[in-house]
Amino acid sequence: MVDLDFVRIEFDIATDIPTLLLPELFSCLRSFEMHFKSLSCRAHNMAKCSMSVFCSECPYKIVFGQELSPDPEIIRNHQKPSLPFSLYIDSVDDNILSTTVGLTVIGLAIDYLEIFYSALKLLIVTSAEISLNIRQYKLTVYCLDYHSVRYEISDATSFRESIILLSAQNIVHNSVTSDSIKIILKSPLRLLQNGAIAHYFDFATFFRSQLRRCSSLYSYYGTGRLDLDFVALSMAANNVINLKDGVHFTSLKLTDKLFKNRGLLGTAEYDGLIQEMSSLLILGSYFNAGKSAAFGFGFYKVEVIND
């Protein structure tokens, strides 16, 4: 059966100063790779790790190696694969004393879910205790179902038994769709357009980017390929109507103003979508979008607008 499996987990960090923790966490998401590597290395000598010599079954090599497919058609269509995970941070508001850090683990990477869990926990603890010297905080872990309902994982020893395996095919075929949707960009979207980072949100460019991303993830980490008419969908994206444009090129609230942390943020509404388009964008929302999608950029949500 053609499908792509994935798992979602979230950490809630409750603290008295979430406004300080949010920018620190966002700036530290890139260190996730270092933490994953430190927990994976069986040689116990990260300084000499070549990612190819010591162990062909090294989790770090398998997850971060981005090895090309032996299938020439997949290489021709997608070239280098995306990383099989995506991190995200849900923004805090002034009335909530917690920050949520989430992780989606895709396909074969699910085999190393315990390392993902430990690496993300280590990143959070490092950010809170070392960088900000926060000692009083509460960490709660959840797994999520198709409707983003969260189920607390109370015992790390039963972590594997607590996860909920999600199916991309289920989402594509069973999501509630509409010809009108709202797209909410919750972390900076760094979308390439004509070889440069786009400063304006264009639906067709965004949709085609997500079509390529989901198709690549399917081809490299799923069983089979995404069954969609790429040409027809790509052409149909040009006919989608912009109802409301509230997207701007800016920096995430509470983070620094450095250009590297800037991107497209805000909300936009569109009409004239065909069914497969909204399904594809809903699926893509689990994986983020654009450049550095694996490390917290391009986190977005889709809401269906009913007539």
C-alpha atoms as a PDB file:
ATOM      1  CA  MET A   1       0.000   0.000   0.000  1.00  0.00           C
ATOM      2  CA  VAL A   2       1.281   3.466  -0.914  1.00  0.00           C
ATOM      3  CA  ASP A   3       1.661   5.572   2.223  1.00  0.00           C
ATOM      4  CA  LEU A   4       3.898   7.771   4.350  1.00  0.00           C
ATOM      5  CA  ASP A   5       3.855   7.292   8.120  1.00  0.00           C
ATOM      6  CA  PHE A   6       4.848   9.901  10.680  1.00  0.00           C
ATOM      7  CA  VAL A   7       4.626  10.649  14.398  1.00  0.00           C
ATOM      8  CA  ARG A   8       4.061  13.925  16.252  1.00  0.00           C
ATOM      9  CA  ILE A   9       5.200  14.747  19.775  1.00  0.00           C
ATOM     10  CA  GLU A  10       5.139  18.015  21.710  1.00  0.00           C
ATOM     11  CA  PHE A  11       6.911  19.324  24.791  1.00  0.00           C
ATOM     12  CA  ASP A  12       5.146  21.939  26.909  1.00  0.00           C
ATOM     13  CA  ILE A  13       7.513  24.083  28.961  1.00  0.00           C
ATOM     14  CA  ALA A  14       5.716  25.930  31.749  1.00  0.00           C
ATOM     15  CA  THR A  15       7.721  28.818  33.212  1.00  0.00           C
ATOM     16  CA  ASP A  16       7.208  32.285  34.648  1.00  0.00           C
ATOM     17  CA  ILE A  17       9.178  33.898  31.799  1.00  0.00           C
ATOM     18  CA  PRO A  18       8.030  32.333  28.498  1.00  0.00           C
ATOM     19  CA  THR A  19       8.827  35.549  26.637  1.00  0.00           C
ATOM     20  CA  LEU A  20      12.527  34.975  27.339  1.00  0.00           C
ATOM     21  CA  LEU A  21      12.435  31.264  26.581  1.00  0.00           C
ATOM     22  CA  LEU A  22      10.784  31.533  23.157  1.00  0.00           C
ATOM     23  CA  PRO A  23      13.548  33.444  21.325  1.00  0.00           C
ATOM     24  CA  GLU A  24      16.237  31.335  22.997  1.00  0.00           C
ATOM     25  CA  LEU A  25      14.571  28.104  21.888  1.00  0.00           C
ATOM     26  CA  PHE A  26      14.051  29.355  18.344  1.00  0.00           C
ATOM     27  CA  SER A  27      17.695  30.374  17.998  1.00  0.00           C
ATOM     28  CA  CYS A  28      18.825  27.001  19.401  1.00  0.00           C
ATOM     29  CA  LEU A  29      16.792  24.745  17.093  1.00  0.00           C
ATOM     30  CA  ARG A  30      19.808  24.377  14.817  1.00  0.00           C
ATOM     31  CA  SER A  31      21.660  22.720  17.709  1.00  0.00           C
ATOM     32  CA  PHE A  32      19.200  19.812  17.505  1.00  0.00           C
ATOM     33  CA  GLU A  33      21.499  18.117  14.993  1.00  0.00           C
ATOM     34  CA  MET A  34      24.444  18.327  17.412  1.00  0.00           C
ATOM     35  CA  HIS A  35      22.381  16.837  20.249  1.00  0.00           C
ATOM     36  CA  PHE A  36      21.085  14.050  17.991  1.00  0.00           C
ATOM     37  CA  LYS A  37      24.626  13.247  16.899  1.00  0.00           C
ATOM     38  CA  SER A  38      25.969  13.164  20.454  1.00  0.00           C
ATOM     39  CA  LEU A  39      23.262  10.689  21.450  1.00  0.00           C
ATOM     40  CA  SER A  40      23.762   8.526  18.337  1.00  0.00           C
ATOM     41  CA  CYS A  41      27.537   8.147  18.206  1.00  0.00           C
ATOM     42  CA  ARG A  42      28.587   4.605  19.038  1.00  0.00           C
ATOM     43  CA  ALA A  43      32.254   5.401  18.605  1.00  0.00           C
ATOM     44  CA  HIS A  44      32.095   7.832  21.547  1.00  0.00           C
ATOM     45  CA  ASN A  45      34.402  10.116  19.599  1.00  0.00           C
ATOM     46  CA  MET A  46      32.326  12.759  17.850  1.00  0.00           C
ATOM     47  CA  ALA A  47      35.409  14.823  16.970  1.00  0.00           C
ATOM     48  CA  LYS A  48      36.600  12.087  14.600  1.00  0.00           C
ATOM     49  CA  CYS A  49      33.171  11.154  13.251  1.00  0.00           C
ATOM     50  CA  SER A  50      33.211  10.987   9.459  1.00  0.00           C
ATOM     51  CA  MET A  51      29.582   9.796   9.232  1.00  0.00           C
ATOM     52  CA  SER A  52      30.730   6.995   6.933  1.00  0.00           C
ATOM     53  CA  VAL A  53      33.688   5.097   8.379  1.00  0.00           C
ATOM     54  CA  PHE A  54      32.673   3.816  11.798  1.00  0.00           C
ATOM     55  CA  CYS A  55      29.192   2.390  11.416  1.00  0.00           C
ATOM     56  CA  SER A  56      26.964   1.964   8.396  1.00  0.00           C
ATOM     57  CA  GLU A  57      23.963   1.700  10.737  1.00  0.00           C
ATOM     58  CA  CYS A  58      24.673   4.898  12.678  1.00  0.00           C
ATOM     59  CA  PRO A  59      21.329   6.648  13.391  1.00  0.00           C
ATOM     60  CA  TYR A  60      22.919  10.037  12.765  1.00  0.00           C
ATOM     61  CA  LYS A  61      24.167   8.966   9.352  1.00  0.00           C
ATOM     62  CA  ILE A  62      20.807   7.471   8.407  1.00  0.00           C
ATOM     63  CA  VAL A  63      18.771  10.512   9.512  1.00  0.00           C
ATOM     64  CA  PHE A  64      21.105  13.355   8.465  1.00  0.00           C
ATOM     65  CA  GLY A  65      23.053  11.722   5.644  1.00  0.00           C
ATOM     66  CA  GLN A  66      20.455  12.642   2.972  1.00  0.00           C
ATOM     67  CA  GLU A  67      21.679   9.838   0.732  1.00  0.00           C
ATOM     68  CA  LEU A  68      20.423   9.878  -2.837  1.00  0.00           C
ATOM     69  CA  SER A  69      17.988   7.242  -4.021  1.00  0.00           C
ATOM     70  CA  PRO A  70      19.231   4.416  -6.280  1.00  0.00           C
ATOM     71  CA  ASP A  71      16.186   5.160  -8.451  1.00  0.00           C
ATOM     72  CA  PRO A  72      17.293   7.609 -11.201  1.00  0.00           C
ATOM     73  CA  GLU A  73      13.726   8.877 -11.674  1.00  0.00           C
ATOM     74  CA  ILE A  74      13.517   9.951  -8.020  1.00  0.00           C
ATOM     75  CA  ILE A  75      16.861  11.732  -8.340  1.00  0.00           C
ATOM     76  CA  ARG A  76      15.702  13.443 -11.532  1.00  0.00           C
ATOM     77  CA  ASN A  77      12.480  14.637  -9.898  1.00  0.00           C
ATOM     78  CA  HIS A  78      13.698  15.483  -6.405  1.00  0.00           C
ATOM     79  CA  GLN A  79      17.514  15.394  -6.270  1.00  0.00           C
ATOM     80  CA  LYS A  80      18.701  15.453  -2.612  1.00  0.00           C
ATOM     81  CA  PRO A  81      16.041  14.375  -0.082  1.00  0.00           C
ATOM     82  CA  SER A  82      14.673  16.572   2.658  1.00  0.00           C
ATOM     83  CA  LEU A  83      15.517  15.666   6.250  1.00  0.00           C
ATOM     84  CA  PRO A  84      12.932  13.210   7.676  1.00  0.00           C
ATOM     85  CA  PHE A  85      11.719  15.432  10.501  1.00  0.00           C
ATOM     86  CA  SER A  86      10.480  18.924  11.252  1.00  0.00           C
ATOM     87  CA  LEU A  87      10.693  20.976  14.442  1.00  0.00           C
ATOM     88  CA  TYR A  88       8.354  23.811  15.340  1.00  0.00           C
ATOM     89  CA  ILE A  89       7.614  26.247  18.132  1.00  0.00           C
ATOM     90  CA  ASP A  90       4.096  27.465  18.766  1.00  0.00           C
ATOM     91  CA  SER A  91       4.122  31.161  19.632  1.00  0.00           C
ATOM     92  CA  VAL A  92       3.194  32.206  23.127  1.00  0.00           C
ATOM     93  CA  ASP A  93       0.892  35.089  23.915  1.00  0.00           C
ATOM     94  CA  ASP A  94       1.054  37.366  26.917  1.00  0.00           C
ATOM     95  CA  ASN A  95      -1.536  35.409  28.902  1.00  0.00           C
ATOM     96  CA  ILE A  96      -0.017  31.916  28.646  1.00  0.00           C
ATOM     97  CA  LEU A  97       2.881  30.839  30.842  1.00  0.00           C
ATOM     98  CA  SER A  98       4.060  28.039  28.581  1.00  0.00           C
ATOM     99  CA  THR A  99       5.851  27.418  25.313  1.00  0.00           C
ATOM    100  CA  THR A 100       5.262  24.437  23.027  1.00  0.00           C
ATOM    101  CA  VAL A 101       8.079  22.804  21.085  1.00  0.00           C
ATOM    102  CA  GLY A 102       6.926  20.175  18.603  1.00  0.00           C
ATOM    103  CA  LEU A 103       8.527  17.518  16.470  1.00  0.00           C
ATOM    104  CA  THR A 104       7.283  15.502  13.492  1.00  0.00           C
ATOM    105  CA  VAL A 105       9.305  12.360  12.720  1.00  0.00           C
ATOM    106  CA  ILE A 106       8.817  10.850   9.270  1.00  0.00           C
ATOM    107  CA  GLY A 107       9.124   7.397   7.721  1.00  0.00           C
ATOM    108  CA  LEU A 108      12.258   5.371   8.487  1.00  0.00           C
ATOM    109  CA  ALA A 109      13.351   7.962  11.064  1.00  0.00           C
ATOM    110  CA  ILE A 110      10.583   6.665  13.365  1.00  0.00           C
ATOM    111  CA  ASP A 111      12.929   3.752  14.133  1.00  0.00           C
ATOM    112  CA  TYR A 112      15.043   6.253  16.083  1.00  0.00           C
ATOM    113  CA  LEU A 113      12.202   8.008  17.873  1.00  0.00           C
ATOM    114  CA  GLU A 114      13.792   7.584  21.306  1.00  0.00           C
ATOM    115  CA  ILE A 115      16.876   9.483  20.106  1.00  0.00           C
ATOM    116  CA  PHE A 116      14.689  12.256  18.665  1.00  0.00           C
ATOM    117  CA  TYR A 117      12.852  12.475  21.978  1.00  0.00           C
ATOM    118  CA  SER A 118      16.065  12.625  24.025  1.00  0.00           C
ATOM    119  CA  ALA A 119      17.738  15.113  21.675  1.00  0.00           C
ATOM    120  CA  LEU A 120      14.796  17.528  21.790  1.00  0.00           C
ATOM    121  CA  LYS A 121      14.561  17.224  25.557  1.00  0.00           C
ATOM    122  CA  LEU A 122      18.299  17.938  25.825  1.00  0.00           C
ATOM    123  CA  LEU A 123      17.901  21.009  23.586  1.00  0.00           C
ATOM    124  CA  ILE A 124      15.093  22.349  25.785  1.00  0.00           C
ATOM    125  CA  VAL A 125      16.940  21.712  29.034  1.00  0.00           C
ATOM    126  CA  THR A 126      20.111  23.316  27.653  1.00  0.00           C
ATOM    127  CA  SER A 127      18.204  26.396  26.495  1.00  0.00           C
ATOM    128  CA  ALA A 128      16.327  26.801  29.771  1.00  0.00           C
ATOM    129  CA  GLU A 129      18.958  25.939  32.366  1.00  0.00           C
ATOM    130  CA  ILE A 130      22.272  26.905  30.766  1.00  0.00           C
ATOM    131  CA  SER A 131      21.420  29.792  28.445  1.00  0.00           C
ATOM    132  CA  LEU A 132      18.765  31.476  30.597  1.00  0.00           C
ATOM    133  CA  ASN A 133      19.517  29.988  34.016  1.00  0.00           C
ATOM    134  CA  ILE A 134      15.865  29.019  34.467  1.00  0.00           C
ATOM    135  CA  ARG A 135      15.610  26.474  37.268  1.00  0.00           C
ATOM    136  CA  GLN A 136      11.883  26.429  37.948  1.00  0.00           C
ATOM    137  CA  TYR A 137       9.950  25.001  35.035  1.00  0.00           C
ATOM    138  CA  LYS A 138       7.686  22.059  34.276  1.00  0.00           C
ATOM    139  CA  LEU A 139       8.157  19.850  31.230  1.00  0.00           C
ATOM    140  CA  THR A 140       5.214  17.804  29.921  1.00  0.00           C
ATOM    141  CA  VAL A 141       5.352  15.531  26.862  1.00  0.00           C
ATOM    142  CA  TYR A 142       2.447  14.625  24.577  1.00  0.00           C
ATOM    143  CA  CYS A 143       1.783  12.578  21.471  1.00  0.00           C
ATOM    144  CA  LEU A 144      -0.787  13.925  19.002  1.00  0.00           C
ATOM    145  CA  ASP A 145      -3.516  12.317  16.905  1.00  0.00           C
ATOM    146  CA  TYR A 146      -5.004  13.364  13.548  1.00  0.00           C
ATOM    147  CA  HIS A 147      -7.035  16.156  15.139  1.00  0.00           C
ATOM    148  CA  SER A 148      -4.064  17.466  17.176  1.00  0.00           C
ATOM    149  CA  VAL A 149      -5.659  16.109  20.341  1.00  0.00           C
ATOM    150  CA  ARG A 150      -2.803  15.625  22.796  1.00  0.00           C
ATOM    151  CA  TYR A 151      -2.238  12.586  25.008  1.00  0.00           C
ATOM    152  CA  GLU A 152       0.247  12.928  27.819  1.00  0.00           C
ATOM    153  CA  ILE A 153       3.220  10.569  27.918  1.00  0.00           C
ATOM    154  CA  SER A 154       3.798  10.217  31.639  1.00  0.00           C
ATOM    155  CA  ASP A 155       6.494   7.541  31.625  1.00  0.00           C
ATOM    156  CA  ALA A 156       9.541   7.705  29.353  1.00  0.00           C
ATOM    157  CA  THR A 157       9.969   3.932  29.608  1.00  0.00           C
ATOM    158  CA  SER A 158       6.640   3.430  27.804  1.00  0.00           C
ATOM    159  CA  PHE A 159       7.358   6.117  25.216  1.00  0.00           C
ATOM    160  CA  ARG A 160       7.378   3.762  22.231  1.00  0.00           C
ATOM    161  CA  GLU A 161       4.048   2.220  23.252  1.00  0.00           C
ATOM    162  CA  SER A 162       2.458   5.653  23.702  1.00  0.00           C
ATOM    163  CA  ILE A 163       3.011   7.085  20.224  1.00  0.00           C
ATOM    164  CA  ILE A 164       0.283   7.369  17.603  1.00  0.00           C
ATOM    165  CA  LEU A 165       1.308   6.445  14.068  1.00  0.00           C
ATOM    166  CA  LEU A 166      -0.247   8.834  11.546  1.00  0.00           C
ATOM    167  CA  SER A 167      -0.864   8.126   7.851  1.00  0.00           C
ATOM    168  CA  ALA A 168      -0.373  10.701   5.106  1.00  0.00           C
ATOM    169  CA  GLN A 169      -2.859   8.848   2.920  1.00  0.00           C
ATOM    170  CA  ASN A 170      -5.474   9.146   5.644  1.00  0.00           C
ATOM    171  CA  ILE A 171      -4.931  12.907   5.804  1.00  0.00           C
ATOM    172  CA  VAL A 172      -5.014  13.380   2.028  1.00  0.00           C
ATOM    173  CA  HIS A 173      -8.217  11.391   1.568  1.00  0.00           C
ATOM    174  CA  ASN A 174     -10.117  12.138   4.782  1.00  0.00           C
ATOM    175  CA  SER A 175      -9.346  15.751   5.681  1.00  0.00           C
ATOM    176  CA  VAL A 176     -12.233  18.207   5.659  1.00  0.00           C
ATOM    177  CA  THR A 177     -11.602  20.340   2.579  1.00  0.00           C
ATOM    178  CA  SER A 178     -13.028  23.446   1.004  1.00  0.00           C
ATOM    179  CA  ASP A 179     -12.432  25.702  -1.969  1.00  0.00           C
ATOM    180  CA  SER A 180     -11.729  28.488   0.544  1.00  0.00           C
ATOM    181  CA  ILE A 181      -8.956  28.299   3.149  1.00  0.00           C
ATOM    182  CA  LYS A 182      -6.985  30.421   5.579  1.00  0.00           C
ATOM    183  CA  ILE A 183      -3.193  29.964   5.765  1.00  0.00           C
ATOM    184  CA  ILE A 184      -1.558  31.053   9.036  1.00  0.00           C
ATOM    185  CA  LEU A 185       2.231  31.392   8.876  1.00  0.00           C
ATOM    186  CA  LYS A 186       3.332  30.906  12.505  1.00  0.00           C
ATOM    187  CA  SER A 187       7.108  30.972  12.046  1.00  0.00           C
ATOM    188  CA  PRO A 188       9.192  32.750   9.384  1.00  0.00           C
ATOM    189  CA  LEU A 189       8.660  31.215   5.944  1.00  0.00           C
ATOM    190  CA  ARG A 190      11.786  31.454   3.800  1.00  0.00           C
ATOM    191  CA  LEU A 191      10.488  30.624   0.357  1.00  0.00           C
ATOM    192  CA  LEU A 192      12.704  30.664  -2.709  1.00  0.00           C
ATOM    193  CA  GLN A 193      11.414  32.565  -5.711  1.00  0.00           C
ATOM    194  CA  ASN A 194      13.628  33.122  -8.759  1.00  0.00           C
ATOM    195  CA  GLY A 195      16.659  32.049  -6.746  1.00  0.00           C
ATOM    196  CA  ALA A 196      16.139  34.503  -3.865  1.00  0.00           C
ATOM    197  CA  ILE A 197      14.170  34.584  -0.607  1.00  0.00           C
ATOM    198  CA  ALA A 198      10.674  35.868  -1.399  1.00  0.00           C
ATOM    199  CA  HIS A 199       9.586  39.050   0.386  1.00  0.00           C
ATOM    200  CA  TYR A 200       5.974  38.656  -0.759  1.00  0.00           C
ATOM    201  CA  PHE A 201       3.661  35.671  -0.355  1.00  0.00           C
ATOM    202  CA  ASP A 202       2.500  34.151  -3.623  1.00  0.00           C
ATOM    203  CA  PHE A 203       0.034  31.285  -3.313  1.00  0.00           C
ATOM    204  CA  ALA A 204       1.083  29.466  -6.480  1.00  0.00           C
ATOM    205  CA  THR A 205       4.769  29.548  -5.513  1.00  0.00           C
ATOM    206  CA  PHE A 206       3.950  28.320  -1.991  1.00  0.00           C
ATOM    207  CA  PHE A 207       1.671  25.552  -3.228  1.00  0.00           C
ATOM    208  CA  ARG A 208       4.165  24.239  -5.789  1.00  0.00           C
ATOM    209  CA  SER A 209       6.889  24.273  -3.153  1.00  0.00           C
ATOM    210  CA  GLN A 210       4.747  22.153  -0.838  1.00  0.00           C
ATOM    211  CA  LEU A 211       3.757  19.863  -3.695  1.00  0.00           C
ATOM    212  CA  ARG A 212       7.447  19.186  -4.351  1.00  0.00           C
ATOM    213  CA  ARG A 213       8.244  18.793  -0.644  1.00  0.00           C
ATOM    214  CA  CYS A 214       5.461  16.306   0.077  1.00  0.00           C
ATOM    215  CA  SER A 215       6.236  14.365  -3.093  1.00  0.00           C
ATOM    216  CA  SER A 216       9.934  14.179  -2.168  1.00  0.00           C
ATOM    217  CA  LEU A 217       9.152  12.963   1.365  1.00  0.00           C
ATOM    218  CA  TYR A 218       6.850  10.311  -0.080  1.00  0.00           C
ATOM    219  CA  SER A 219       9.450   9.144  -2.609  1.00  0.00           C
ATOM    220  CA  TYR A 220      12.330   8.915  -0.141  1.00  0.00           C
ATOM    221  CA  TYR A 221      10.640   7.894   3.115  1.00  0.00           C
ATOM    222  CA  GLY A 222       7.289   6.397   2.134  1.00  0.00           C
ATOM    223  CA  THR A 223       6.134   3.345   0.250  1.00  0.00           C
ATOM    224  CA  GLY A 224       5.449   4.478  -3.297  1.00  0.00           C
ATOM    225  CA  ARG A 225       4.775   7.933  -4.637  1.00  0.00           C
ATOM    226  CA  LEU A 226       2.186  10.605  -4.027  1.00  0.00           C
ATOM    227  CA  ASP A 227      -0.700   9.935  -6.397  1.00  0.00           C
ATOM    228  CA  LEU A 228      -1.609  13.401  -7.649  1.00  0.00           C
ATOM    229  CA  ASP A 229      -1.784  15.088 -11.035  1.00  0.00           C
ATOM    230  CA  PHE A 230       1.149  17.457 -10.559  1.00  0.00           C
ATOM    231  CA  VAL A 231       0.708  19.315 -13.847  1.00  0.00           C
ATOM    232  CA  ALA A 232      -3.011  19.961 -13.368  1.00  0.00           C
ATOM    233  CA  LEU A 233      -2.565  21.052  -9.749  1.00  0.00           C
ATOM    234  CA  SER A 234       0.330  23.325 -10.615  1.00  0.00           C
ATOM    235  CA  MET A 235      -1.719  25.040 -13.326  1.00  0.00           C
ATOM    236  CA  ALA A 236      -4.800  25.281 -11.075  1.00  0.00           C
ATOM    237  CA  ALA A 237      -2.737  27.120  -8.458  1.00  0.00           C
ATOM    238  CA  ASN A 238      -2.563  30.100 -10.826  1.00  0.00           C
ATOM    239  CA  ASN A 239      -6.347  30.462 -10.685  1.00  0.00           C
ATOM    240  CA  VAL A 240      -6.660  30.682  -6.906  1.00  0.00           C
ATOM    241  CA  ILE A 241      -8.065  34.035  -5.740  1.00  0.00           C
ATOM    242  CA  ASN A 242      -6.549  36.043  -2.900  1.00  0.00           C
ATOM    243  CA  LEU A 243      -9.349  37.155  -0.563  1.00  0.00           C
ATOM    244  CA  LYS A 244      -7.205  38.660   2.187  1.00  0.00           C
ATOM    245  CA  ASP A 245      -3.474  39.273   2.356  1.00  0.00           C
ATOM    246  CA  GLY A 246      -2.037  39.821   5.820  1.00  0.00           C
ATOM    247  CA  VAL A 247       1.418  38.345   5.191  1.00  0.00           C
ATOM    248  CA  HIS A 248       4.569  40.430   5.614  1.00  0.00           C
ATOM    249  CA  PHE A 249       8.301  39.861   5.505  1.00  0.00           C
ATOM    250  CA  THR A 250       9.361  40.359   9.096  1.00  0.00           C
ATOM    251  CA  SER A 251      10.834  38.636  12.164  1.00  0.00           C
ATOM    252  CA  LEU A 252       9.092  36.345  14.631  1.00  0.00           C
ATOM    253  CA  LYS A 253       7.570  38.143  17.596  1.00  0.00           C
ATOM    254  CA  LEU A 254       9.946  38.351  20.557  1.00  0.00           C
ATOM    255  CA  THR A 255      12.974  37.129  18.580  1.00  0.00           C
ATOM    256  CA  ASP A 256      15.894  39.237  17.412  1.00  0.00           C
ATOM    257  CA  LYS A 257      15.746  41.265  14.213  1.00  0.00           C
ATOM    258  CA  LEU A 258      18.637  39.511  12.495  1.00  0.00           C
ATOM    259  CA  PHE A 259      17.977  38.852   8.827  1.00  0.00           C
ATOM    260  CA  LYS A 260      18.652  35.131   9.257  1.00  0.00           C
ATOM    261  CA  ASN A 261      15.541  34.858  11.450  1.00  0.00           C
ATOM    262  CA  ARG A 262      13.293  36.840   9.135  1.00  0.00           C
ATOM    263  CA  GLY A 263      10.714  35.510   6.719  1.00  0.00           C
ATOM    264  CA  LEU A 264       7.067  35.674   5.733  1.00  0.00           C
ATOM    265  CA  LEU A 265       4.644  35.799   8.665  1.00  0.00           C
ATOM    266  CA  GLY A 266       0.916  36.472   8.962  1.00  0.00           C
ATOM    267  CA  THR A 267      -2.423  35.258   7.661  1.00  0.00           C
ATOM    268  CA  ALA A 268      -3.895  35.039   4.172  1.00  0.00           C
ATOM    269  CA  GLU A 269      -7.224  33.788   2.831  1.00  0.00           C
ATOM    270  CA  TYR A 270      -7.827  32.202  -0.577  1.00  0.00           C
ATOM    271  CA  ASP A 271     -10.730  31.009  -2.689  1.00  0.00           C
ATOM    272  CA  GLY A 272     -10.999  28.846  -5.789  1.00  0.00           C
ATOM    273  CA  LEU A 273      -9.010  25.823  -4.613  1.00  0.00           C
ATOM    274  CA  ILE A 274      -9.823  22.355  -5.923  1.00  0.00           C
ATOM    275  CA  GLN A 275     -10.131  19.538  -3.387  1.00  0.00           C
ATOM    276  CA  GLU A 276      -6.664  18.024  -3.823  1.00  0.00           C
ATOM    277  CA  MET A 277      -5.047  21.409  -3.232  1.00  0.00           C
ATOM    278  CA  SER A 278      -6.404  21.977   0.255  1.00  0.00           C
ATOM    279  CA  SER A 279      -5.691  18.316   1.173  1.00  0.00           C
ATOM    280  CA  LEU A 280      -2.093  18.680   0.043  1.00  0.00           C
ATOM    281  CA  LEU A 281      -1.579  21.895   2.011  1.00  0.00           C
ATOM    282  CA  ILE A 282      -3.080  20.318   5.135  1.00  0.00           C
ATOM    283  CA  LEU A 283      -0.671  17.393   4.780  1.00  0.00           C
ATOM    284  CA  GLY A 284       2.227  19.770   4.171  1.00  0.00           C
ATOM    285  CA  SER A 285       1.426  21.686   7.355  1.00  0.00           C
ATOM    286  CA  TYR A 286       2.693  18.712   9.357  1.00  0.00           C
ATOM    287  CA  PHE A 287       6.122  19.053   7.704  1.00  0.00           C
ATOM    288  CA  ASN A 288       6.637  22.864   7.590  1.00  0.00           C
ATOM    289  CA  ALA A 289       7.628  24.673   4.387  1.00  0.00           C
ATOM    290  CA  GLY A 290      10.468  26.476   2.623  1.00  0.00           C
ATOM    291  CA  LYS A 291      14.150  26.682   3.541  1.00  0.00           C
ATOM    292  CA  SER A 292      15.223  25.265   6.931  1.00  0.00           C
ATOM    293  CA  ALA A 293      11.797  23.658   7.351  1.00  0.00           C
ATOM    294  CA  ALA A 294      13.341  20.884   9.454  1.00  0.00           C
ATOM    295  CA  PHE A 295      14.630  23.436  11.979  1.00  0.00           C
ATOM    296  CA  GLY A 296      11.488  25.389  12.803  1.00  0.00           C
ATOM    297  CA  PHE A 297      11.061  27.711   9.822  1.00  0.00           C
ATOM    298  CA  GLY A 298       7.883  27.669   7.727  1.00  0.00           C
ATOM    299  CA  PHE A 299       5.591  26.288  10.431  1.00  0.00           C
ATOM    300  CA  TYR A 300       2.031  26.981   9.306  1.00  0.00           C
ATOM    301  CA  LYS A 301      -1.555  25.920   9.830  1.00  0.00           C
ATOM    302  CA  VAL A 302      -4.499  25.622   7.450  1.00  0.00           C
ATOM    303  CA  GLU A 303      -8.075  26.427   8.399  1.00  0.00           C
ATOM    304  CA  VAL A 304     -11.004  25.561   6.183  1.00  0.00           C
ATOM    305  CA  ILE A 305     -13.421  28.434   5.528  1.00  0.00           C
ATOM    306  CA  ASN A 306     -16.996  27.183   5.320  1.00  0.00           C
ATOM    307  CA  ASP A 307     -19.580  29.021   3.235  1.00  0.00           C
END
